[in-house]
Amino acid sequence: MSTPFGALKQVDAGLLSVGYAEVGSADGPAVLLLHGWPYDIHSFAEVTPVLAAAGYRVIVPFIRGYGTTRFLSADTVRNGQQAAVATDVTALMDALGIQAAILAGFDWGARSADVVAALWPDRCKALVSVSGYLIGSQAANAAPLPPQAELAWWYQFYFATDRGRAGYEKYRRDFSKLIWQLASPKWAFDDATFARTAAAFDNPDHVAIVIHNYRWRLGAAGEPQYDDLERRLAGAPAISVPAITLEGDANGAPHADATAYAGKFTGKYEHRVIGGGVGHNLPQEAPQAFAQAVIDVDHF
């Protein structure tokens, strides 16, 4: 497929055949850029050349359920829980011979980066996380929120129903475009920009992964092999690696105030608010600021 990154690559890593872009110096410090829902690798289309020009080896994978990433076995559970998605990151690093990398992401990708930084700090040289500390637990998610906060999670409750799964299956592009509009109310993206990313949602496992991700948060079963990791994550472990957290000044997606999570970052740490009407898809809406955070955190 034709992409702004050039030809995509494919590698067997853990449970997956991962589709990914690789740009920059093969000998440069590794940076993994991790996307979320409902987005894809094109969120980093303008970040990647900046980092490549600065000497980095930039890896941008489709996460499970997106783009050209596929499960190696038809029998593997289509699991979207946080420990499974984060373990994909270290499996990819192993497959590519990368011991440690700078991890940078947003939405699900930020959560995976946070998990790796917290559980396996030797694999994470430094961290850039949009919306901060996103590690969660089923127990924490069981606590009710004030009504206005619950309203912001409307799609999570919709996905918990059979109607919601069928609705997302049937209307996944319309649904995703609505999320883009709600999460980034001041981002004037055009139809071609959306369509370029929406192609990634045609992955045969996309709906299953998305639905399970949100159902797991509300108590649906995960897989036993991740139980120990989830127990550790439920303790909200601190992140000791150098870190920069970012927030757009117009993020319409549910997110905590930075003061709520700053104490979770125990190494050198900085929080930056990116102005100018920047929403949830921060690397695509403010690529220079995102790339600069990666470069800066590398020198902490």
Protein backbone atom coordinates (compact mmCIF):
# COMPACT_ATOMS: atom_id res chain seq x y z
CA MET A 1 0.00 0.00 0.00
CA SER A 2 1.15 3.53 -0.69
CA THR A 3 1.78 5.60 2.43
CA PRO A 4 3.56 8.83 3.39
CA PHE A 5 6.13 6.57 5.06
CA GLY A 6 6.95 4.66 1.87
CA ALA A 7 6.50 0.90 1.63
CA LEU A 8 5.28 -0.74 4.82
CA LYS A 9 7.03 -3.71 6.38
CA GLN A 10 5.71 -6.84 8.05
CA VAL A 11 7.26 -8.92 10.84
CA ASP A 12 6.11 -11.84 13.00
CA ALA A 13 6.13 -10.67 16.60
CA GLY A 14 4.53 -12.62 19.42
CA LEU A 15 0.94 -13.46 18.49
CA LEU A 16 0.91 -11.16 15.48
CA SER A 17 2.24 -10.43 12.06
CA VAL A 18 2.75 -6.71 12.61
CA GLY A 19 2.49 -4.20 9.80
CA TYR A 20 4.67 -1.17 10.41
CA ALA A 21 6.45 1.76 8.88
CA GLU A 22 10.18 2.23 9.45
CA VAL A 23 11.87 5.49 8.60
CA GLY A 24 15.25 7.02 9.43
CA SER A 25 18.68 5.68 10.30
CA ALA A 26 18.84 1.94 10.98
CA ASP A 27 21.62 2.71 13.46
CA GLY A 28 19.83 5.60 15.16
CA PRO A 29 18.17 5.53 18.58
CA ALA A 30 14.85 3.71 18.28
CA VAL A 31 11.53 5.50 18.69
CA LEU A 32 8.21 3.62 18.65
CA LEU A 33 5.16 5.74 17.85
CA LEU A 34 1.92 4.16 19.06
CA HIS A 35 -1.55 5.13 17.86
CA GLY A 36 -4.95 4.71 19.49
CA TRP A 37 -8.63 4.31 18.62
CA PRO A 38 -10.05 5.24 16.18
CA TYR A 39 -6.84 6.33 14.49
CA ASP A 40 -3.88 4.64 12.83
CA ILE A 41 -0.24 5.14 11.85
CA HIS A 42 -1.12 8.25 9.82
CA SER A 43 -1.46 10.19 13.06
CA PHE A 44 2.35 10.24 12.91
CA ALA A 45 2.76 11.00 9.20
CA GLU A 46 4.23 14.47 9.90
CA VAL A 47 5.99 13.52 13.13
CA THR A 48 8.05 10.76 11.54
CA PRO A 49 10.09 12.82 9.05
CA VAL A 50 11.03 15.31 11.78
CA LEU A 51 12.39 12.52 13.96
CA ALA A 52 14.07 10.77 11.05
CA ALA A 53 15.83 14.02 10.13
CA ALA A 54 17.04 14.24 13.74
CA GLY A 55 18.74 10.85 13.39
CA TYR A 56 16.21 8.49 14.92
CA ARG A 57 15.12 5.05 13.77
CA VAL A 58 11.35 5.53 13.78
CA ILE A 59 9.00 2.53 14.01
CA VAL A 60 5.25 3.13 13.56
CA PRO A 61 3.20 -0.08 13.95
CA PHE A 62 -0.45 -0.80 13.34
CA ILE A 63 -1.69 -2.09 16.69
CA ARG A 64 -3.69 -5.32 16.84
CA GLY A 65 -6.92 -5.01 14.89
CA TYR A 66 -5.71 -2.27 12.53
CA GLY A 67 -4.26 -2.00 9.05
CA THR A 68 -2.03 -4.83 7.90
CA THR A 69 -1.44 -6.30 11.37
CA ARG A 70 -2.87 -9.82 11.61
CA PHE A 71 -3.06 -12.60 14.18
CA LEU A 72 -0.86 -15.56 13.28
CA SER A 73 -3.50 -18.05 14.47
CA ALA A 74 -7.24 -18.10 13.89
CA ASP A 75 -7.56 -19.61 17.36
CA THR A 76 -6.02 -16.69 19.27
CA VAL A 77 -8.51 -14.78 21.39
CA ARG A 78 -9.18 -11.35 19.89
CA ASN A 79 -8.26 -9.66 23.15
CA GLY A 80 -8.14 -5.90 23.61
CA GLN A 81 -7.21 -5.73 27.31
CA GLN A 82 -4.41 -3.32 28.24
CA ALA A 83 -1.82 -5.97 29.18
CA ALA A 84 -2.28 -7.81 25.88
CA VAL A 85 -1.99 -4.69 23.74
CA ALA A 86 1.06 -3.49 25.68
CA THR A 87 2.77 -6.88 25.46
CA ASP A 88 2.54 -6.55 21.67
CA VAL A 89 4.93 -3.60 21.96
CA THR A 90 7.71 -5.55 23.65
CA ALA A 91 7.14 -8.48 21.29
CA LEU A 92 7.65 -6.14 18.35
CA MET A 93 10.80 -4.73 19.92
CA ASP A 94 12.12 -8.27 20.39
CA ALA A 95 11.35 -9.14 16.77
CA LEU A 96 13.20 -6.05 15.56
CA GLY A 97 16.18 -6.54 17.87
CA ILE A 98 15.47 -3.39 19.89
CA GLN A 99 16.37 -3.69 23.57
CA ALA A 100 15.20 -0.21 24.59
CA ALA A 101 13.35 2.55 22.78
CA ILE A 102 11.74 5.89 23.35
CA LEU A 103 8.01 5.16 23.46
CA ALA A 104 5.58 7.87 22.42
CA GLY A 105 1.85 7.63 21.89
CA PHE A 106 -1.68 8.81 22.48
CA ASP A 107 -4.95 7.15 23.47
CA TRP A 108 -4.48 3.34 23.49
CA GLY A 109 -0.90 3.90 22.36
CA ALA A 110 -0.13 6.13 25.34
CA ARG A 111 -1.59 3.49 27.64
CA SER A 112 0.63 0.80 26.14
CA ALA A 113 3.68 3.05 26.42
CA ASP A 114 2.80 3.77 30.05
CA VAL A 115 2.44 0.05 30.78
CA VAL A 116 5.82 -0.82 29.26
CA ALA A 117 7.49 2.08 31.09
CA ALA A 118 5.95 1.01 34.40
CA LEU A 119 6.45 -2.76 34.18
CA TRP A 120 9.63 -3.02 32.09
CA PRO A 121 11.55 0.25 32.49
CA ASP A 122 14.65 -1.33 30.98
CA ARG A 123 12.77 -1.47 27.66
CA CYS A 124 11.73 2.20 27.73
CA LYS A 125 14.52 4.75 27.43
CA ALA A 126 12.05 7.63 27.79
CA LEU A 127 8.34 8.29 27.41
CA VAL A 128 6.01 10.78 25.74
CA SER A 129 2.41 10.20 26.77
CA VAL A 130 -0.56 12.27 25.62
CA SER A 131 -3.06 12.70 28.48
CA GLY A 132 -0.57 11.37 30.95
CA TYR A 133 -0.96 8.27 33.08
CA LEU A 134 -3.53 6.01 31.46
CA ILE A 135 -2.92 2.70 33.24
CA GLY A 136 -6.23 1.45 34.63
CA SER A 137 -7.86 -1.53 36.28
CA GLN A 138 -11.22 -3.21 36.25
CA ALA A 139 -11.65 -2.43 39.96
CA ALA A 140 -11.01 1.27 39.44
CA ASN A 141 -13.32 1.34 36.43
CA ALA A 142 -16.12 -0.18 38.52
CA ALA A 143 -16.41 3.03 40.54
CA PRO A 144 -19.19 5.31 39.27
CA LEU A 145 -18.30 8.76 37.98
CA PRO A 146 -20.31 11.99 38.18
CA PRO A 147 -23.03 12.04 35.47
CA GLN A 148 -21.22 14.52 33.22
CA ALA A 149 -18.13 12.29 33.21
CA GLU A 150 -20.21 9.19 32.53
CA LEU A 151 -21.80 10.96 29.56
CA ALA A 152 -18.36 11.43 28.01
CA TRP A 153 -17.94 7.64 28.00
CA TRP A 154 -21.23 7.01 26.16
CA TYR A 155 -19.61 4.81 23.53
CA GLN A 156 -18.14 2.50 26.18
CA PHE A 157 -21.64 1.69 27.43
CA TYR A 158 -22.92 1.35 23.85
CA PHE A 159 -20.16 -1.13 23.07
CA ALA A 160 -21.18 -3.20 26.10
CA THR A 161 -24.39 -4.18 24.27
CA ASP A 162 -25.00 -6.51 21.33
CA ARG A 163 -26.65 -3.57 19.59
CA GLY A 164 -23.47 -1.55 20.06
CA ARG A 165 -21.26 -4.25 18.56
CA ALA A 166 -23.59 -4.58 15.58
CA GLY A 167 -23.76 -0.82 15.23
CA TYR A 168 -19.99 -0.43 15.21
CA GLU A 169 -19.65 -3.29 12.73
CA LYS A 170 -22.16 -1.65 10.38
CA TYR A 171 -21.19 1.99 10.83
CA ARG A 172 -17.53 1.83 11.83
CA ARG A 173 -16.52 4.72 9.52
CA ASP A 174 -19.41 6.99 10.48
CA PHE A 175 -18.82 6.11 14.12
CA SER A 176 -15.12 6.85 13.93
CA LYS A 177 -15.63 10.15 12.14
CA LEU A 178 -18.03 11.19 14.91
CA ILE A 179 -15.39 10.34 17.53
CA TRP A 180 -12.83 12.43 15.63
CA GLN A 181 -15.23 15.37 15.65
CA LEU A 182 -16.08 15.03 19.34
CA ALA A 183 -12.52 14.40 20.49
CA SER A 184 -10.98 17.18 18.39
CA PRO A 185 -13.77 19.77 18.02
CA LYS A 186 -11.48 22.42 16.51
CA TRP A 187 -9.57 20.16 14.09
CA ALA A 188 -10.72 20.87 10.53
CA PHE A 189 -9.68 17.57 8.95
CA ASP A 190 -10.85 16.86 5.41
CA ASP A 191 -12.51 13.75 3.99
CA ALA A 192 -9.30 12.50 2.38
CA THR A 193 -7.42 12.65 5.68
CA PHE A 194 -10.14 10.66 7.40
CA ALA A 195 -10.44 8.13 4.57
CA ARG A 196 -6.70 7.47 4.60
CA THR A 197 -6.91 6.36 8.23
CA ALA A 198 -10.35 4.72 8.01
CA ALA A 199 -8.95 2.11 5.63
CA ALA A 200 -7.16 0.64 8.67
CA PHE A 201 -10.52 -0.17 10.25
CA ASP A 202 -11.27 -2.72 7.52
CA ASN A 203 -8.97 -5.14 9.36
CA PRO A 204 -10.94 -8.37 9.96
CA ASP A 205 -10.23 -8.25 13.71
CA HIS A 206 -10.89 -4.55 14.20
CA VAL A 207 -14.40 -4.72 15.62
CA ALA A 208 -13.60 -7.63 17.93
CA ILE A 209 -10.55 -5.88 19.39
CA VAL A 210 -12.29 -2.54 19.89
CA ILE A 211 -15.36 -4.08 21.50
CA HIS A 212 -13.32 -6.28 23.82
CA ASN A 213 -11.08 -3.39 24.84
CA TYR A 214 -14.03 -1.37 26.13
CA ARG A 215 -15.93 -4.35 27.53
CA TRP A 216 -12.86 -5.48 29.45
CA ARG A 217 -12.70 -2.08 31.14
CA LEU A 218 -16.20 -2.69 32.46
CA GLY A 219 -15.45 -6.16 33.74
CA ALA A 220 -15.48 -8.58 30.80
CA ALA A 221 -13.08 -11.50 31.12
CA GLY A 222 -9.51 -11.17 29.95
CA GLU A 223 -7.10 -14.06 29.41
CA PRO A 224 -5.48 -15.86 32.36
CA GLN A 225 -1.94 -15.41 31.02
CA TYR A 226 -2.27 -11.67 31.65
CA ASP A 227 -3.67 -11.95 35.18
CA ASP A 228 -0.35 -11.32 36.92
CA LEU A 229 0.40 -8.29 34.77
CA GLU A 230 -3.07 -6.90 35.42
CA ARG A 231 -2.62 -7.38 39.18
CA ARG A 232 0.57 -5.33 39.00
CA LEU A 233 -1.10 -2.67 36.87
CA ALA A 234 -4.08 -2.49 39.23
CA GLY A 235 -1.63 -1.18 41.85
CA ALA A 236 -1.05 1.89 39.64
CA PRO A 237 2.75 1.46 39.54
CA ALA A 238 4.91 4.56 39.27
CA ILE A 239 6.78 5.41 36.07
CA SER A 240 10.44 6.12 36.78
CA VAL A 241 11.79 6.72 33.27
CA PRO A 242 12.20 10.29 31.95
CA ALA A 243 8.80 11.44 30.75
CA ILE A 244 6.94 14.28 29.08
CA THR A 245 3.15 14.30 29.18
CA LEU A 246 1.20 16.35 26.67
CA GLU A 247 -2.33 17.69 26.51
CA GLY A 248 -4.11 19.61 23.78
CA ASP A 249 -5.96 22.69 24.94
CA ALA A 250 -9.11 21.53 23.10
CA ASN A 251 -9.14 17.80 23.89
CA GLY A 252 -12.78 16.74 23.77
CA ALA A 253 -12.16 13.15 24.83
CA PRO A 254 -12.40 12.09 28.49
CA HIS A 255 -9.12 12.90 30.23
CA ALA A 256 -7.84 13.69 33.70
CA ASP A 257 -6.29 16.98 34.73
CA ALA A 258 -2.49 16.76 34.82
CA THR A 259 -2.46 17.41 38.56
CA ALA A 260 -4.21 14.07 39.05
CA TYR A 261 -1.34 12.04 37.62
CA ALA A 262 1.83 14.12 37.94
CA GLY A 263 2.84 12.21 41.07
CA LYS A 264 2.92 8.94 39.11
CA PHE A 265 6.01 10.12 37.23
CA THR A 266 8.92 9.80 39.63
CA GLY A 267 11.81 10.41 37.22
CA LYS A 268 12.62 13.66 35.42
CA TYR A 269 9.23 14.87 34.28
CA GLU A 270 7.53 17.73 32.47
CA HIS A 271 3.94 18.42 31.44
CA ARG A 272 3.15 20.56 28.39
CA VAL A 273 -0.17 21.98 27.24
CA ILE A 274 -0.24 22.46 23.47
CA GLY A 275 -2.35 25.46 22.49
CA GLY A 276 -4.09 26.56 19.33
CA GLY A 277 -7.21 24.40 19.47
CA VAL A 278 -5.39 21.07 19.60
CA GLY A 279 -7.59 18.08 20.35
CA HIS A 280 -7.19 14.41 21.19
CA ASN A 281 -5.20 13.35 18.11
CA LEU A 282 -2.29 15.50 19.22
CA PRO A 283 0.51 14.12 17.03
CA GLN A 284 -1.50 14.71 13.87
CA GLU A 285 -2.86 18.08 14.96
CA ALA A 286 0.43 19.39 16.41
CA PRO A 287 3.18 17.24 14.87
CA GLN A 288 6.02 19.65 15.54
CA ALA A 289 5.19 19.90 19.24
CA PHE A 290 4.90 16.11 19.51
CA ALA A 291 8.19 15.50 17.70
CA GLN A 292 9.92 18.12 19.83
CA ALA A 293 8.74 16.38 22.99
CA VAL A 294 10.32 13.13 21.77
CA ILE A 295 13.61 14.87 21.03
CA ASP A 296 13.57 16.77 24.33
CA VAL A 297 12.74 13.77 26.53
CA ASP A 298 15.63 11.89 24.93
CA HIS A 299 17.97 14.50 26.39
CA PHE A 300 16.49 14.56 29.89
